[in-house]
Amino acid sequence: MNIIKHMEAAFLFSLSVAGAASVAIEAIPPAQASAPARIEVVAQSSMPVVHVTAKRMTEAEKRLSLHAERTGNSNGGIQ
């Protein structure tokens, strides 16, 4: 069967299917929401603040800690 010979029939068939589908879809009633969604935003009176009270590491302690981390020492390089 040569499709080029029947191209006009294939076009008319697809056009009729599209038209019927369009009418069928148009007949479906639109969706109705049962209740509108409510969004409430509560403003906090104060923002939580975290205070860190710790001594900063010195440059030597940082190097020692990094070296211990790289070598897999669990005691932090302290012997």
N, C-alpha and C. Protein backbone atom coordinates (compact mmCIF):
# COMPACT_ATOMS: atom_id res chain seq x y z
N MET A 1 0.84 -1.16 0.00
CA MET A 1 0.00 0.00 0.00
C MET A 1 0.90 1.24 0.00
N ASN A 2 0.71 2.05 -0.95
CA ASN A 2 1.52 3.24 -1.09
C ASN A 2 0.86 4.39 -0.31
N ILE A 3 1.56 4.92 0.74
CA ILE A 3 0.98 5.94 1.60
C ILE A 3 0.80 7.26 0.88
N ILE A 4 1.64 7.55 -0.10
CA ILE A 4 1.52 8.81 -0.83
C ILE A 4 0.21 8.86 -1.62
N LYS A 5 -0.24 7.73 -2.12
CA LYS A 5 -1.51 7.69 -2.86
C LYS A 5 -2.68 8.04 -1.95
N HIS A 6 -2.58 7.67 -0.68
CA HIS A 6 -3.69 7.84 0.25
C HIS A 6 -3.44 8.96 1.26
N MET A 7 -2.57 9.91 0.91
CA MET A 7 -2.25 10.99 1.83
C MET A 7 -3.46 11.86 2.12
N GLU A 8 -4.28 12.12 1.13
CA GLU A 8 -5.47 12.94 1.34
C GLU A 8 -6.43 12.24 2.30
N ALA A 9 -6.61 10.95 2.16
CA ALA A 9 -7.51 10.20 3.05
C ALA A 9 -6.95 10.17 4.47
N ALA A 10 -5.63 10.01 4.62
CA ALA A 10 -5.01 10.00 5.95
C ALA A 10 -5.17 11.37 6.61
N PHE A 11 -5.03 12.44 5.84
CA PHE A 11 -5.18 13.79 6.39
C PHE A 11 -6.62 14.03 6.84
N LEU A 12 -7.58 13.64 6.03
CA LEU A 12 -8.98 13.83 6.39
C LEU A 12 -9.37 12.99 7.61
N PHE A 13 -8.82 11.78 7.69
CA PHE A 13 -9.09 10.93 8.84
C PHE A 13 -8.54 11.56 10.12
N SER A 14 -7.28 12.04 10.09
CA SER A 14 -6.68 12.64 11.28
C SER A 14 -7.39 13.94 11.65
N LEU A 15 -7.86 14.68 10.65
CA LEU A 15 -8.61 15.90 10.92
C LEU A 15 -9.94 15.59 11.61
N SER A 16 -10.61 14.53 11.15
CA SER A 16 -11.88 14.17 11.77
C SER A 16 -11.69 13.65 13.20
N VAL A 17 -10.64 12.90 13.44
CA VAL A 17 -10.34 12.41 14.79
C VAL A 17 -10.02 13.58 15.72
N ALA A 18 -9.25 14.54 15.23
CA ALA A 18 -8.91 15.71 16.05
C ALA A 18 -10.16 16.53 16.34
N GLY A 19 -11.03 16.68 15.38
CA GLY A 19 -12.26 17.44 15.60
C GLY A 19 -13.17 16.76 16.61
N ALA A 20 -13.31 15.44 16.51
CA ALA A 20 -14.14 14.70 17.45
C ALA A 20 -13.56 14.76 18.86
N ALA A 21 -12.24 14.68 18.96
CA ALA A 21 -11.59 14.77 20.27
C ALA A 21 -11.77 16.16 20.87
N SER A 22 -11.71 17.18 20.03
CA SER A 22 -11.89 18.54 20.51
C SER A 22 -13.30 18.74 21.09
N VAL A 23 -14.30 18.20 20.40
CA VAL A 23 -15.69 18.32 20.88
C VAL A 23 -15.86 17.52 22.17
N ALA A 24 -15.26 16.34 22.23
CA ALA A 24 -15.38 15.50 23.43
C ALA A 24 -14.71 16.15 24.64
N ILE A 25 -13.56 16.76 24.43
CA ILE A 25 -12.85 17.40 25.54
C ILE A 25 -13.59 18.65 25.99
N GLU A 26 -14.20 19.35 25.06
CA GLU A 26 -14.94 20.56 25.39
C GLU A 26 -16.18 20.25 26.24
N ALA A 27 -16.71 19.03 26.11
CA ALA A 27 -17.91 18.65 26.85
C ALA A 27 -17.62 18.33 28.32
N ILE A 28 -16.35 18.12 28.68
CA ILE A 28 -15.98 17.81 30.06
C ILE A 28 -16.09 19.09 30.88
N PRO A 29 -16.84 19.07 32.00
CA PRO A 29 -16.98 20.28 32.80
C PRO A 29 -15.66 20.63 33.49
N PRO A 30 -15.43 21.91 33.72
CA PRO A 30 -14.17 22.30 34.39
C PRO A 30 -14.17 21.83 35.84
N ALA A 31 -13.00 21.59 36.35
CA ALA A 31 -12.85 21.12 37.73
C ALA A 31 -13.21 22.23 38.69
N GLN A 32 -13.88 21.86 39.78
CA GLN A 32 -14.25 22.82 40.81
C GLN A 32 -13.52 22.46 42.09
N ALA A 33 -12.82 23.40 42.65
CA ALA A 33 -12.12 23.17 43.91
C ALA A 33 -13.13 23.21 45.05
N SER A 34 -13.00 22.30 46.01
CA SER A 34 -13.95 22.24 47.11
C SER A 34 -13.74 23.37 48.11
N ALA A 35 -12.50 23.72 48.36
CA ALA A 35 -12.22 24.80 49.31
C ALA A 35 -10.95 25.51 48.86
N PRO A 36 -10.93 26.82 48.93
CA PRO A 36 -9.70 27.52 48.53
C PRO A 36 -8.58 27.26 49.53
N ALA A 37 -7.39 27.19 49.02
CA ALA A 37 -6.23 26.94 49.89
C ALA A 37 -5.92 28.20 50.68
N ARG A 38 -5.63 28.02 51.96
CA ARG A 38 -5.30 29.15 52.82
C ARG A 38 -3.82 29.08 53.18
N ILE A 39 -3.19 30.21 53.07
CA ILE A 39 -1.79 30.30 53.44
C ILE A 39 -1.67 31.38 54.50
N GLU A 40 -1.11 31.01 55.63
CA GLU A 40 -0.93 31.96 56.71
C GLU A 40 0.56 32.08 57.01
N VAL A 41 1.01 33.29 57.09
CA VAL A 41 2.41 33.55 57.43
C VAL A 41 2.45 34.18 58.81
N VAL A 42 3.21 33.56 59.69
CA VAL A 42 3.32 34.07 61.05
C VAL A 42 4.70 34.70 61.19
N ALA A 43 4.73 35.95 61.53
CA ALA A 43 6.00 36.65 61.71
C ALA A 43 6.49 36.44 63.14
N GLN A 44 7.76 36.07 63.24
CA GLN A 44 8.34 35.87 64.57
C GLN A 44 8.74 37.23 65.12
N SER A 45 8.53 37.40 66.41
CA SER A 45 8.88 38.68 67.03
C SER A 45 10.39 38.83 67.19
N SER A 46 11.08 37.74 67.39
CA SER A 46 12.54 37.83 67.51
C SER A 46 13.16 36.62 66.80
N MET A 47 14.29 36.88 66.20
CA MET A 47 14.99 35.82 65.50
C MET A 47 15.89 35.08 66.48
N PRO A 48 15.89 33.75 66.45
CA PRO A 48 16.77 33.01 67.36
C PRO A 48 18.24 33.27 67.02
N VAL A 49 19.04 33.48 68.03
CA VAL A 49 20.45 33.77 67.84
C VAL A 49 21.27 32.73 68.59
N VAL A 50 22.32 32.26 67.95
CA VAL A 50 23.21 31.28 68.57
C VAL A 50 24.50 31.99 68.94
N HIS A 51 24.90 31.88 70.19
CA HIS A 51 26.15 32.47 70.67
C HIS A 51 27.16 31.34 70.84
N VAL A 52 28.28 31.45 70.13
CA VAL A 52 29.33 30.45 70.24
C VAL A 52 30.44 31.03 71.11
N THR A 53 30.69 30.35 72.18
CA THR A 53 31.76 30.80 73.08
C THR A 53 32.86 29.76 73.03
N ALA A 54 33.80 29.98 72.13
CA ALA A 54 34.91 29.05 71.98
C ALA A 54 36.16 29.83 71.62
N LYS A 55 37.29 29.31 71.99
CA LYS A 55 38.57 29.94 71.69
C LYS A 55 38.95 29.58 70.26
N ARG A 56 39.40 30.55 69.49
CA ARG A 56 39.86 30.27 68.13
C ARG A 56 41.17 29.50 68.18
N MET A 57 41.35 28.65 67.18
CA MET A 57 42.59 27.88 67.10
C MET A 57 43.70 28.78 66.57
N THR A 58 44.89 28.56 67.10
CA THR A 58 46.05 29.29 66.58
C THR A 58 46.46 28.65 65.26
N GLU A 59 47.35 29.32 64.55
CA GLU A 59 47.81 28.80 63.25
C GLU A 59 48.48 27.44 63.41
N ALA A 60 49.27 27.27 64.48
CA ALA A 60 49.95 25.99 64.72
C ALA A 60 48.93 24.90 65.03
N GLU A 61 47.90 25.23 65.81
CA GLU A 61 46.87 24.24 66.13
C GLU A 61 46.09 23.83 64.88
N LYS A 62 45.83 24.80 63.99
CA LYS A 62 45.14 24.49 62.74
C LYS A 62 45.96 23.51 61.89
N ARG A 63 47.26 23.82 61.76
CA ARG A 63 48.13 22.93 60.97
C ARG A 63 48.17 21.53 61.57
N LEU A 64 48.28 21.46 62.89
CA LEU A 64 48.32 20.17 63.58
C LEU A 64 47.02 19.40 63.38
N SER A 65 45.91 20.11 63.46
CA SER A 65 44.60 19.48 63.28
C SER A 65 44.42 18.97 61.85
N LEU A 66 44.82 19.79 60.86
CA LEU A 66 44.71 19.36 59.46
C LEU A 66 45.61 18.16 59.17
N HIS A 67 46.81 18.18 59.74
CA HIS A 67 47.72 17.05 59.54
C HIS A 67 47.13 15.78 60.15
N ALA A 68 46.53 15.89 61.33
CA ALA A 68 45.93 14.73 61.98
C ALA A 68 44.73 14.23 61.18
N GLU A 69 43.99 15.15 60.60
CA GLU A 69 42.82 14.75 59.81
C GLU A 69 43.24 14.01 58.55
N ARG A 70 44.30 14.49 57.92
CA ARG A 70 44.77 13.86 56.68
C ARG A 70 45.39 12.49 56.93
N THR A 71 46.06 12.34 58.05
CA THR A 71 46.71 11.06 58.34
C THR A 71 45.78 10.06 59.00
N GLY A 72 44.62 10.53 59.47
CA GLY A 72 43.67 9.63 60.07
C GLY A 72 43.88 9.44 61.56
N ASN A 73 44.64 10.32 62.18
CA ASN A 73 44.86 10.26 63.62
C ASN A 73 43.59 10.69 64.33
N SER A 74 43.12 9.90 65.28
CA SER A 74 41.86 10.22 65.96
C SER A 74 42.07 11.11 67.17
N ASN A 75 43.31 11.27 67.65
CA ASN A 75 43.52 12.07 68.84
C ASN A 75 43.86 13.52 68.51
N GLY A 76 43.72 13.93 67.27
CA GLY A 76 43.93 15.32 66.90
C GLY A 76 45.38 15.72 66.82
N GLY A 77 46.29 14.76 66.74
CA GLY A 77 47.69 15.07 66.64
C GLY A 77 48.37 15.30 67.96
N ILE A 78 47.60 15.20 69.05
CA ILE A 78 48.17 15.41 70.38
C ILE A 78 48.65 14.06 70.90
N GLN A 79 49.89 14.08 71.39
CA GLN A 79 50.45 12.81 71.86
C GLN A 79 50.86 12.87 73.29
